[in-house]
Amino acid sequence: MQQPGITFAVGQFDGILGMAFKSISVDGVVPPFYNLVAQKLVANNIFAFWLNRSNKGQGGELTLGGIDKSHYTGDITYVKLTNQTYWEFALDDVTFAGQSLKLCPSGGCRAIADTGTSLIAVPSKVATYINTKIGATGIIVNECETLVSQYEDQLIQAIIQDLDPQTACTNIGLCPGGSCGVCQLILSTLDNFLPSNTSETFIRVILDNICRALPSPNGEASVDCSVVSKLPNIGFKINGKQFDLTPEQYILKTGAAGAEICLSGFIGLDLPPNVGPLLILGDVFIGAYYTVFDGANSRVGFATAA
């Protein structure tokens, strides 16, 4: 029987599959939503997401074949798709504290709306710029600085004795353990920086500055929770309309009160040249803006989430 809209609570499934286009499906398999439309099990070729970021009540809602007007306020701003692979559209501009970051050329940036991406993924140089401006540092940087402050003398002796990282970190007492990998990364990175026959004084100078040179495997960055309310809005201009994220929306808080960690919602992602560069507006953005995927009219729409 045809339904005007089928609603699911987000969280009932481990993941929502088959919501992109057939053009990128593995082995040409027809995505499930195509079949729902073809069999007229939904009234319209459209679905919409509401994500609840408050950590209270239902985690969110996926509506198939329609829109749930109770989950947004104001009008929906639609933008035409520029590519029917992912839900890709033109992004006019990215702003910081109301000022253009001048990241988009005259033709605009390319962006996709994607519930499968938790954060907002942008090219690495853009993520570095934004995270620097909001005072975010890599998660691995913080752990590195803690280890260096506690074990600096032992790390220096390991370098002088030319111990391999595994042996050195085991001798210090960090392997096995959660800090084993960071300890080994510190020593292997030091090895790349230090010339042979380096003095202890020079090792100490480099060690005191090594943490910010470490690669962050996943790009996560943390912010001092006490300054979150003072950070500026970061916005995205779509089809002429400004969509701002407040710091409370683009900074994610985890942990119990008094021991909270605040994480930046921006992460670097450099896609292959045949795909990118793309900005991926993931759950951080969709949590703030109800998102409509309108396949019938080849467009995606956004409205303020309620």
C-alpha atoms as a PDB file:
ATOM      1  CA  MET A   1       0.000   0.000   0.000  1.00  0.00           C
ATOM      2  CA  GLN A   2       1.324   3.433  -0.914  1.00  0.00           C
ATOM      3  CA  GLN A   3       2.320   5.591   2.062  1.00  0.00           C
ATOM      4  CA  PRO A   4       2.765   9.400   2.151  1.00  0.00           C
ATOM      5  CA  GLY A   5       5.856   8.920   4.289  1.00  0.00           C
ATOM      6  CA  ILE A   6       7.450   6.086   6.235  1.00  0.00           C
ATOM      7  CA  THR A   7       9.258   7.186   9.362  1.00  0.00           C
ATOM      8  CA  PHE A   8      12.065   5.411  11.191  1.00  0.00           C
ATOM      9  CA  ALA A   9      13.873   6.419  14.355  1.00  0.00           C
ATOM     10  CA  VAL A  10      17.545   6.860  13.528  1.00  0.00           C
ATOM     11  CA  GLY A  11      19.347   4.382  15.752  1.00  0.00           C
ATOM     12  CA  GLN A  12      17.050   1.466  14.903  1.00  0.00           C
ATOM     13  CA  PHE A  13      19.688   0.415  12.406  1.00  0.00           C
ATOM     14  CA  ASP A  14      23.473   0.088  12.499  1.00  0.00           C
ATOM     15  CA  GLY A  15      23.453   2.185   9.329  1.00  0.00           C
ATOM     16  CA  ILE A  16      21.188   3.468   6.602  1.00  0.00           C
ATOM     17  CA  LEU A  17      22.178   1.862   3.297  1.00  0.00           C
ATOM     18  CA  GLY A  18      21.304   2.481  -0.322  1.00  0.00           C
ATOM     19  CA  MET A  19      20.451   6.188  -0.120  1.00  0.00           C
ATOM     20  CA  ALA A  20      22.934   7.420  -2.722  1.00  0.00           C
ATOM     21  CA  PHE A  21      22.620   6.998  -6.491  1.00  0.00           C
ATOM     22  CA  LYS A  22      22.775   3.792  -8.502  1.00  0.00           C
ATOM     23  CA  SER A  23      25.694   5.206 -10.475  1.00  0.00           C
ATOM     24  CA  ILE A  24      28.035   4.499  -7.542  1.00  0.00           C
ATOM     25  CA  SER A  25      26.464   1.292  -6.217  1.00  0.00           C
ATOM     26  CA  VAL A  26      28.782  -1.688  -5.857  1.00  0.00           C
ATOM     27  CA  ASP A  27      28.494  -4.133  -8.775  1.00  0.00           C
ATOM     28  CA  GLY A  28      25.546  -2.138 -10.134  1.00  0.00           C
ATOM     29  CA  VAL A  29      23.207  -3.400  -7.401  1.00  0.00           C
ATOM     30  CA  VAL A  30      19.954  -1.435  -7.343  1.00  0.00           C
ATOM     31  CA  PRO A  31      19.805   0.590  -4.085  1.00  0.00           C
ATOM     32  CA  PRO A  32      16.850  -0.328  -1.813  1.00  0.00           C
ATOM     33  CA  PHE A  33      15.215   3.093  -2.036  1.00  0.00           C
ATOM     34  CA  TYR A  34      15.037   2.785  -5.844  1.00  0.00           C
ATOM     35  CA  ASN A  35      12.981  -0.361  -5.331  1.00  0.00           C
ATOM     36  CA  LEU A  36      10.676   1.335  -2.830  1.00  0.00           C
ATOM     37  CA  VAL A  37       9.951   4.047  -5.387  1.00  0.00           C
ATOM     38  CA  ALA A  38       9.581   1.616  -8.308  1.00  0.00           C
ATOM     39  CA  GLN A  39       7.166  -0.571  -6.349  1.00  0.00           C
ATOM     40  CA  LYS A  40       5.208   2.529  -5.269  1.00  0.00           C
ATOM     41  CA  LEU A  41       5.693   1.711  -1.602  1.00  0.00           C
ATOM     42  CA  VAL A  42       6.383   5.414  -1.012  1.00  0.00           C
ATOM     43  CA  ALA A  43       4.449   8.294  -2.516  1.00  0.00           C
ATOM     44  CA  ASN A  44       7.444  10.362  -3.624  1.00  0.00           C
ATOM     45  CA  ASN A  45      11.084   9.934  -4.556  1.00  0.00           C
ATOM     46  CA  ILE A  46      12.199  11.921  -1.537  1.00  0.00           C
ATOM     47  CA  PHE A  47      13.550  11.264   1.946  1.00  0.00           C
ATOM     48  CA  ALA A  48      14.617  13.496   4.816  1.00  0.00           C
ATOM     49  CA  PHE A  49      16.782  13.349   7.934  1.00  0.00           C
ATOM     50  CA  TRP A  50      16.375  14.971  11.323  1.00  0.00           C
ATOM     51  CA  LEU A  51      19.236  14.338  13.767  1.00  0.00           C
ATOM     52  CA  ASN A  52      18.790  15.164  17.422  1.00  0.00           C
ATOM     53  CA  ARG A  53      22.059  16.569  18.791  1.00  0.00           C
ATOM     54  CA  SER A  54      20.762  17.255  22.295  1.00  0.00           C
ATOM     55  CA  ASN A  55      21.593  13.772  23.671  1.00  0.00           C
ATOM     56  CA  LYS A  56      18.063  13.672  25.041  1.00  0.00           C
ATOM     57  CA  GLY A  57      15.183  11.592  23.717  1.00  0.00           C
ATOM     58  CA  GLN A  58      15.064  10.020  20.280  1.00  0.00           C
ATOM     59  CA  GLY A  59      18.337  10.207  18.396  1.00  0.00           C
ATOM     60  CA  GLY A  60      16.760  11.286  15.122  1.00  0.00           C
ATOM     61  CA  GLU A  61      14.352  10.407  12.372  1.00  0.00           C
ATOM     62  CA  LEU A  62      14.498   9.258   8.767  1.00  0.00           C
ATOM     63  CA  THR A  63      11.358   9.818   6.703  1.00  0.00           C
ATOM     64  CA  LEU A  64      11.016   7.900   3.435  1.00  0.00           C
ATOM     65  CA  GLY A  65       8.743   9.282   0.735  1.00  0.00           C
ATOM     66  CA  GLY A  66       7.963  12.562   2.483  1.00  0.00           C
ATOM     67  CA  ILE A  67       8.928  15.340   4.892  1.00  0.00           C
ATOM     68  CA  ASP A  68       8.156  15.679   8.604  1.00  0.00           C
ATOM     69  CA  LYS A  69       7.237  19.346   9.097  1.00  0.00           C
ATOM     70  CA  SER A  70       7.430  19.022  12.879  1.00  0.00           C
ATOM     71  CA  HIS A  71      11.224  18.781  12.686  1.00  0.00           C
ATOM     72  CA  TYR A  72      12.052  22.109  11.049  1.00  0.00           C
ATOM     73  CA  THR A  73      11.079  25.761  11.130  1.00  0.00           C
ATOM     74  CA  GLY A  74      10.875  28.319   8.331  1.00  0.00           C
ATOM     75  CA  ASP A  75      11.285  27.536   4.664  1.00  0.00           C
ATOM     76  CA  ILE A  76      13.387  24.844   3.042  1.00  0.00           C
ATOM     77  CA  THR A  77      16.147  26.225   0.836  1.00  0.00           C
ATOM     78  CA  TYR A  78      16.736  23.938  -2.132  1.00  0.00           C
ATOM     79  CA  VAL A  79      19.798  23.733  -4.341  1.00  0.00           C
ATOM     80  CA  LYS A  80      20.076  21.737  -7.575  1.00  0.00           C
ATOM     81  CA  LEU A  81      22.407  18.771  -7.708  1.00  0.00           C
ATOM     82  CA  THR A  82      25.541  19.189  -9.792  1.00  0.00           C
ATOM     83  CA  ASN A  83      26.328  15.497  -9.959  1.00  0.00           C
ATOM     84  CA  GLN A  84      24.127  12.446  -9.455  1.00  0.00           C
ATOM     85  CA  THR A  85      26.673  10.218  -7.790  1.00  0.00           C
ATOM     86  CA  TYR A  86      26.677  11.518  -4.264  1.00  0.00           C
ATOM     87  CA  TRP A  87      24.231  14.254  -3.252  1.00  0.00           C
ATOM     88  CA  GLU A  88      26.536  16.911  -4.653  1.00  0.00           C
ATOM     89  CA  PHE A  89      25.731  20.606  -5.043  1.00  0.00           C
ATOM     90  CA  ALA A  90      27.408  23.990  -5.449  1.00  0.00           C
ATOM     91  CA  LEU A  91      28.478  25.741  -2.247  1.00  0.00           C
ATOM     92  CA  ASP A  92      28.719  29.517  -2.677  1.00  0.00           C
ATOM     93  CA  ASP A  93      31.040  30.356   0.200  1.00  0.00           C
ATOM     94  CA  VAL A  94      32.436  29.417   3.612  1.00  0.00           C
ATOM     95  CA  THR A  95      32.496  32.148   6.261  1.00  0.00           C
ATOM     96  CA  PHE A  96      34.254  32.628   9.581  1.00  0.00           C
ATOM     97  CA  ALA A  97      32.806  35.209  11.986  1.00  0.00           C
ATOM     98  CA  GLY A  98      30.723  36.524   9.089  1.00  0.00           C
ATOM     99  CA  GLN A  99      33.707  37.054   6.790  1.00  0.00           C
ATOM    100  CA  SER A 100      34.398  35.044   3.656  1.00  0.00           C
ATOM    101  CA  LEU A 101      37.332  32.671   3.907  1.00  0.00           C
ATOM    102  CA  LYS A 102      37.704  33.085   0.126  1.00  0.00           C
ATOM    103  CA  LEU A 103      37.977  29.335  -0.268  1.00  0.00           C
ATOM    104  CA  CYS A 104      35.555  29.032  -3.159  1.00  0.00           C
ATOM    105  CA  PRO A 105      36.393  30.211  -6.685  1.00  0.00           C
ATOM    106  CA  SER A 106      33.900  32.241  -8.717  1.00  0.00           C
ATOM    107  CA  GLY A 107      32.101  29.040  -9.691  1.00  0.00           C
ATOM    108  CA  GLY A 108      31.671  28.007  -6.061  1.00  0.00           C
ATOM    109  CA  CYS A 109      32.931  25.024  -4.120  1.00  0.00           C
ATOM    110  CA  ARG A 110      31.607  21.506  -4.483  1.00  0.00           C
ATOM    111  CA  ALA A 111      29.896  19.952  -1.482  1.00  0.00           C
ATOM    112  CA  ILE A 112      27.859  16.894  -0.612  1.00  0.00           C
ATOM    113  CA  ALA A 113      25.348  16.231   2.153  1.00  0.00           C
ATOM    114  CA  ASP A 114      26.140  12.913   3.781  1.00  0.00           C
ATOM    115  CA  THR A 115      24.690  11.317   6.921  1.00  0.00           C
ATOM    116  CA  GLY A 116      27.463   8.712   6.765  1.00  0.00           C
ATOM    117  CA  THR A 117      30.065  11.317   7.723  1.00  0.00           C
ATOM    118  CA  SER A 118      29.973  12.268  11.402  1.00  0.00           C
ATOM    119  CA  LEU A 119      31.881  15.549  11.129  1.00  0.00           C
ATOM    120  CA  ILE A 120      32.336  18.209   8.461  1.00  0.00           C
ATOM    121  CA  ALA A 121      35.112  16.998   6.185  1.00  0.00           C
ATOM    122  CA  VAL A 122      37.039  19.619   4.227  1.00  0.00           C
ATOM    123  CA  PRO A 123      40.373  19.645   2.385  1.00  0.00           C
ATOM    124  CA  SER A 124      43.251  19.363   4.863  1.00  0.00           C
ATOM    125  CA  LYS A 125      44.502  22.905   4.335  1.00  0.00           C
ATOM    126  CA  VAL A 126      41.006  24.241   5.059  1.00  0.00           C
ATOM    127  CA  ALA A 127      40.677  22.115   8.211  1.00  0.00           C
ATOM    128  CA  THR A 128      44.081  23.311   9.381  1.00  0.00           C
ATOM    129  CA  TYR A 129      43.093  26.931   8.817  1.00  0.00           C
ATOM    130  CA  ILE A 130      39.747  26.642  10.621  1.00  0.00           C
ATOM    131  CA  ASN A 131      41.111  24.586  13.518  1.00  0.00           C
ATOM    132  CA  THR A 132      43.997  27.000  13.956  1.00  0.00           C
ATOM    133  CA  LYS A 133      41.593  29.949  14.030  1.00  0.00           C
ATOM    134  CA  ILE A 134      39.466  28.331  16.758  1.00  0.00           C
ATOM    135  CA  GLY A 135      42.511  27.283  18.776  1.00  0.00           C
ATOM    136  CA  ALA A 136      42.110  23.558  18.188  1.00  0.00           C
ATOM    137  CA  THR A 137      45.076  21.212  18.523  1.00  0.00           C
ATOM    138  CA  GLY A 138      45.417  17.639  17.366  1.00  0.00           C
ATOM    139  CA  ILE A 139      44.337  14.976  19.857  1.00  0.00           C
ATOM    140  CA  ILE A 140      47.661  13.248  19.371  1.00  0.00           C
ATOM    141  CA  VAL A 141      49.456  16.535  20.127  1.00  0.00           C
ATOM    142  CA  ASN A 142      47.922  16.688  23.589  1.00  0.00           C
ATOM    143  CA  GLU A 143      48.866  13.098  24.432  1.00  0.00           C
ATOM    144  CA  CYS A 144      52.356  13.631  23.056  1.00  0.00           C
ATOM    145  CA  GLU A 145      52.921  16.719  25.207  1.00  0.00           C
ATOM    146  CA  THR A 146      51.786  14.795  28.294  1.00  0.00           C
ATOM    147  CA  LEU A 147      54.216  11.946  27.573  1.00  0.00           C
ATOM    148  CA  VAL A 148      57.120  14.288  26.900  1.00  0.00           C
ATOM    149  CA  SER A 149      56.544  16.192  30.147  1.00  0.00           C
ATOM    150  CA  GLN A 150      56.503  12.939  32.139  1.00  0.00           C
ATOM    151  CA  TYR A 151      59.195  10.900  30.373  1.00  0.00           C
ATOM    152  CA  GLU A 152      61.496  13.435  28.728  1.00  0.00           C
ATOM    153  CA  ASP A 153      64.718  12.149  30.330  1.00  0.00           C
ATOM    154  CA  GLN A 154      63.929   8.524  29.495  1.00  0.00           C
ATOM    155  CA  LEU A 155      63.110   9.423  25.883  1.00  0.00           C
ATOM    156  CA  ILE A 156      66.369  11.342  25.545  1.00  0.00           C
ATOM    157  CA  GLN A 157      68.368   8.392  26.891  1.00  0.00           C
ATOM    158  CA  ALA A 158      66.598   6.077  24.454  1.00  0.00           C
ATOM    159  CA  ILE A 159      67.756   8.296  21.564  1.00  0.00           C
ATOM    160  CA  ILE A 160      71.316   8.498  22.905  1.00  0.00           C
ATOM    161  CA  GLN A 161      71.442   4.714  23.285  1.00  0.00           C
ATOM    162  CA  ASP A 162      69.998   4.309  19.766  1.00  0.00           C
ATOM    163  CA  LEU A 163      67.235   1.990  20.980  1.00  0.00           C
ATOM    164  CA  ASP A 164      64.500   1.012  18.551  1.00  0.00           C
ATOM    165  CA  PRO A 165      61.117   2.609  19.456  1.00  0.00           C
ATOM    166  CA  GLN A 166      59.466  -0.670  20.550  1.00  0.00           C
ATOM    167  CA  THR A 167      62.302  -1.548  22.932  1.00  0.00           C
ATOM    168  CA  ALA A 168      62.608   1.992  24.275  1.00  0.00           C
ATOM    169  CA  CYS A 169      58.891   2.401  24.981  1.00  0.00           C
ATOM    170  CA  THR A 170      58.736  -1.032  26.593  1.00  0.00           C
ATOM    171  CA  ASN A 171      61.679  -0.137  28.855  1.00  0.00           C
ATOM    172  CA  ILE A 172      59.931   3.091  29.869  1.00  0.00           C
ATOM    173  CA  GLY A 173      56.858   1.049  30.779  1.00  0.00           C
ATOM    174  CA  LEU A 174      54.483   2.365  28.099  1.00  0.00           C
ATOM    175  CA  CYS A 175      54.250  -0.849  26.074  1.00  0.00           C
ATOM    176  CA  PRO A 176      51.933  -2.602  26.107  1.00  0.00           C
ATOM    177  CA  GLY A 177      49.373   0.074  26.861  1.00  0.00           C
ATOM    178  CA  GLY A 178      47.306   2.876  25.396  1.00  0.00           C
ATOM    179  CA  SER A 179      50.307   5.227  25.127  1.00  0.00           C
ATOM    180  CA  CYS A 180      52.587   2.713  23.418  1.00  0.00           C
ATOM    181  CA  GLY A 181      51.767   3.873  19.879  1.00  0.00           C
ATOM    182  CA  VAL A 182      52.277   7.570  20.625  1.00  0.00           C
ATOM    183  CA  CYS A 183      55.577   6.839  22.387  1.00  0.00           C
ATOM    184  CA  GLN A 184      56.855   4.941  19.353  1.00  0.00           C
ATOM    185  CA  LEU A 185      55.612   7.690  17.030  1.00  0.00           C
ATOM    186  CA  ILE A 186      57.534  10.293  19.045  1.00  0.00           C
ATOM    187  CA  LEU A 187      60.770   8.344  18.805  1.00  0.00           C
ATOM    188  CA  SER A 188      60.413   7.435  15.130  1.00  0.00           C
ATOM    189  CA  THR A 189      59.610  11.056  14.250  1.00  0.00           C
ATOM    190  CA  LEU A 190      62.587  12.260  16.317  1.00  0.00           C
ATOM    191  CA  ASP A 191      64.788   9.928  14.323  1.00  0.00           C
ATOM    192  CA  ASN A 192      63.758  11.747  11.146  1.00  0.00           C
ATOM    193  CA  PHE A 193      64.568  15.152  12.642  1.00  0.00           C
ATOM    194  CA  LEU A 194      67.891  14.444  14.351  1.00  0.00           C
ATOM    195  CA  PRO A 195      71.257  14.299  12.613  1.00  0.00           C
ATOM    196  CA  SER A 196      73.753  11.660  13.725  1.00  0.00           C
ATOM    197  CA  ASN A 197      75.879  12.265  16.841  1.00  0.00           C
ATOM    198  CA  THR A 198      73.375  14.773  18.204  1.00  0.00           C
ATOM    199  CA  SER A 199      74.060  16.312  21.614  1.00  0.00           C
ATOM    200  CA  GLU A 200      71.692  15.783  24.535  1.00  0.00           C
ATOM    201  CA  THR A 201      70.969  19.519  24.583  1.00  0.00           C
ATOM    202  CA  PHE A 202      69.886  19.514  20.941  1.00  0.00           C
ATOM    203  CA  ILE A 203      67.752  16.390  21.469  1.00  0.00           C
ATOM    204  CA  ARG A 204      65.990  18.141  24.341  1.00  0.00           C
ATOM    205  CA  VAL A 205      65.263  21.215  22.201  1.00  0.00           C
ATOM    206  CA  ILE A 206      63.787  19.125  19.386  1.00  0.00           C
ATOM    207  CA  LEU A 207      61.846  16.909  21.804  1.00  0.00           C
ATOM    208  CA  ASP A 208      60.254  19.961  23.406  1.00  0.00           C
ATOM    209  CA  ASN A 209      58.896  20.968  20.002  1.00  0.00           C
ATOM    210  CA  ILE A 210      58.280  17.600  18.367  1.00  0.00           C
ATOM    211  CA  CYS A 211      54.624  17.145  19.300  1.00  0.00           C
ATOM    212  CA  ARG A 212      53.222  19.603  16.778  1.00  0.00           C
ATOM    213  CA  ALA A 213      55.144  17.870  14.015  1.00  0.00           C
ATOM    214  CA  LEU A 214      53.452  14.524  14.626  1.00  0.00           C
ATOM    215  CA  PRO A 215      50.939  13.348  12.036  1.00  0.00           C
ATOM    216  CA  SER A 216      47.393  12.954  13.361  1.00  0.00           C
ATOM    217  CA  PRO A 217      46.077   9.722  11.775  1.00  0.00           C
ATOM    218  CA  ASN A 218      42.402  10.708  11.948  1.00  0.00           C
ATOM    219  CA  GLY A 219      42.731  14.492  12.045  1.00  0.00           C
ATOM    220  CA  GLU A 220      40.775  14.909  15.267  1.00  0.00           C
ATOM    221  CA  ALA A 221      41.376  18.202  17.079  1.00  0.00           C
ATOM    222  CA  SER A 222      40.383  19.362  20.551  1.00  0.00           C
ATOM    223  CA  VAL A 223      39.447  22.794  21.880  1.00  0.00           C
ATOM    224  CA  ASP A 224      39.626  24.225  25.389  1.00  0.00           C
ATOM    225  CA  CYS A 225      36.042  23.762  26.627  1.00  0.00           C
ATOM    226  CA  SER A 226      36.187  27.020  28.594  1.00  0.00           C
ATOM    227  CA  VAL A 227      36.466  29.123  25.420  1.00  0.00           C
ATOM    228  CA  VAL A 228      33.753  27.458  23.312  1.00  0.00           C
ATOM    229  CA  SER A 229      31.112  30.121  24.024  1.00  0.00           C
ATOM    230  CA  LYS A 230      33.530  32.825  22.837  1.00  0.00           C
ATOM    231  CA  LEU A 231      34.230  31.270  19.450  1.00  0.00           C
ATOM    232  CA  PRO A 232      32.674  32.762  16.291  1.00  0.00           C
ATOM    233  CA  ASN A 233      30.049  31.256  14.020  1.00  0.00           C
ATOM    234  CA  ILE A 234      31.216  29.316  10.968  1.00  0.00           C
ATOM    235  CA  GLY A 235      28.849  29.460   8.023  1.00  0.00           C
ATOM    236  CA  PHE A 236      28.084  27.979   4.633  1.00  0.00           C
ATOM    237  CA  LYS A 237      26.350  29.955   1.912  1.00  0.00           C
ATOM    238  CA  ILE A 238      24.080  27.717  -0.173  1.00  0.00           C
ATOM    239  CA  ASN A 239      22.013  29.024  -3.092  1.00  0.00           C
ATOM    240  CA  GLY A 240      22.388  32.558  -1.751  1.00  0.00           C
ATOM    241  CA  LYS A 241      21.291  31.747   1.812  1.00  0.00           C
ATOM    242  CA  GLN A 242      23.576  31.746   4.837  1.00  0.00           C
ATOM    243  CA  PHE A 243      23.600  28.658   7.072  1.00  0.00           C
ATOM    244  CA  ASP A 244      25.537  29.418  10.235  1.00  0.00           C
ATOM    245  CA  LEU A 245      26.800  26.967  12.815  1.00  0.00           C
ATOM    246  CA  THR A 246      27.304  28.288  16.333  1.00  0.00           C
ATOM    247  CA  PRO A 247      30.327  27.025  18.296  1.00  0.00           C
ATOM    248  CA  GLU A 248      27.957  24.941  20.399  1.00  0.00           C
ATOM    249  CA  GLN A 249      26.912  23.221  17.151  1.00  0.00           C
ATOM    250  CA  TYR A 250      30.323  22.665  15.549  1.00  0.00           C
ATOM    251  CA  ILE A 251      32.115  21.717  18.779  1.00  0.00           C
ATOM    252  CA  LEU A 252      31.281  18.252  20.104  1.00  0.00           C
ATOM    253  CA  LYS A 253      31.430  17.621  23.843  1.00  0.00           C
ATOM    254  CA  THR A 254      32.154  14.154  25.217  1.00  0.00           C
ATOM    255  CA  GLY A 255      32.713  12.856  28.721  1.00  0.00           C
ATOM    256  CA  ALA A 256      31.117  13.622  32.066  1.00  0.00           C
ATOM    257  CA  ALA A 257      30.796  17.096  33.533  1.00  0.00           C
ATOM    258  CA  GLY A 258      34.104  18.207  34.981  1.00  0.00           C
ATOM    259  CA  ALA A 259      36.014  15.882  32.673  1.00  0.00           C
ATOM    260  CA  GLU A 260      34.627  16.956  29.307  1.00  0.00           C
ATOM    261  CA  ILE A 261      36.593  16.917  26.091  1.00  0.00           C
ATOM    262  CA  CYS A 262      35.593  19.358  23.364  1.00  0.00           C
ATOM    263  CA  LEU A 263      36.290  18.234  19.807  1.00  0.00           C
ATOM    264  CA  SER A 264      36.297  20.310  16.655  1.00  0.00           C
ATOM    265  CA  GLY A 265      33.625  19.300  14.167  1.00  0.00           C
ATOM    266  CA  PHE A 266      36.019  19.945  11.263  1.00  0.00           C
ATOM    267  CA  ILE A 267      38.319  17.252   9.951  1.00  0.00           C
ATOM    268  CA  GLY A 268      40.715  17.187   7.015  1.00  0.00           C
ATOM    269  CA  LEU A 269      39.990  14.861   4.109  1.00  0.00           C
ATOM    270  CA  ASP A 270      41.847  14.970   0.806  1.00  0.00           C
ATOM    271  CA  LEU A 271      39.940  12.963  -1.785  1.00  0.00           C
ATOM    272  CA  PRO A 272      41.457  11.582  -4.998  1.00  0.00           C
ATOM    273  CA  PRO A 273      41.646  14.121  -7.850  1.00  0.00           C
ATOM    274  CA  ASN A 274      38.930  12.332  -9.816  1.00  0.00           C
ATOM    275  CA  VAL A 275      36.529  12.827  -6.866  1.00  0.00           C
ATOM    276  CA  GLY A 276      37.636  15.887  -4.911  1.00  0.00           C
ATOM    277  CA  PRO A 277      38.153  18.422  -3.680  1.00  0.00           C
ATOM    278  CA  LEU A 278      34.811  18.226  -1.908  1.00  0.00           C
ATOM    279  CA  LEU A 279      33.413  19.569   1.324  1.00  0.00           C
ATOM    280  CA  ILE A 280      31.284  16.952   3.068  1.00  0.00           C
ATOM    281  CA  LEU A 281      28.539  18.394   5.239  1.00  0.00           C
ATOM    282  CA  GLY A 282      28.082  15.505   7.635  1.00  0.00           C
ATOM    283  CA  ASP A 283      26.128  15.032  10.827  1.00  0.00           C
ATOM    284  CA  VAL A 284      27.490  18.166  12.502  1.00  0.00           C
ATOM    285  CA  PHE A 285      25.770  20.230   9.806  1.00  0.00           C
ATOM    286  CA  ILE A 286      22.719  17.999   9.367  1.00  0.00           C
ATOM    287  CA  GLY A 287      22.139  18.100  13.115  1.00  0.00           C
ATOM    288  CA  ALA A 288      21.612  21.839  12.843  1.00  0.00           C
ATOM    289  CA  TYR A 289      19.704  21.791   9.550  1.00  0.00           C
ATOM    290  CA  TYR A 290      16.914  19.391   8.606  1.00  0.00           C
ATOM    291  CA  THR A 291      18.037  17.893   5.308  1.00  0.00           C
ATOM    292  CA  VAL A 292      15.798  16.846   2.427  1.00  0.00           C
ATOM    293  CA  PHE A 293      17.069  14.578  -0.361  1.00  0.00           C
ATOM    294  CA  ASP A 294      14.712  15.160  -3.291  1.00  0.00           C
ATOM    295  CA  GLY A 295      15.504  12.652  -6.027  1.00  0.00           C
ATOM    296  CA  ALA A 296      12.395  13.501  -8.055  1.00  0.00           C
ATOM    297  CA  ASN A 297      13.615  17.043  -8.627  1.00  0.00           C
ATOM    298  CA  SER A 298      17.384  16.379  -8.443  1.00  0.00           C
ATOM    299  CA  ARG A 299      17.947  18.690  -5.499  1.00  0.00           C
ATOM    300  CA  VAL A 300      18.795  18.776  -1.813  1.00  0.00           C
ATOM    301  CA  GLY A 301      17.181  21.116   0.707  1.00  0.00           C
ATOM    302  CA  PHE A 302      18.008  22.516   4.138  1.00  0.00           C
ATOM    303  CA  ALA A 303      15.922  24.140   6.863  1.00  0.00           C
ATOM    304  CA  THR A 304      16.568  25.058  10.490  1.00  0.00           C
ATOM    305  CA  ALA A 305      16.066  21.937  12.586  1.00  0.00           C
ATOM    306  CA  ALA A 306      13.446  22.112  15.317  1.00  0.00           C
END
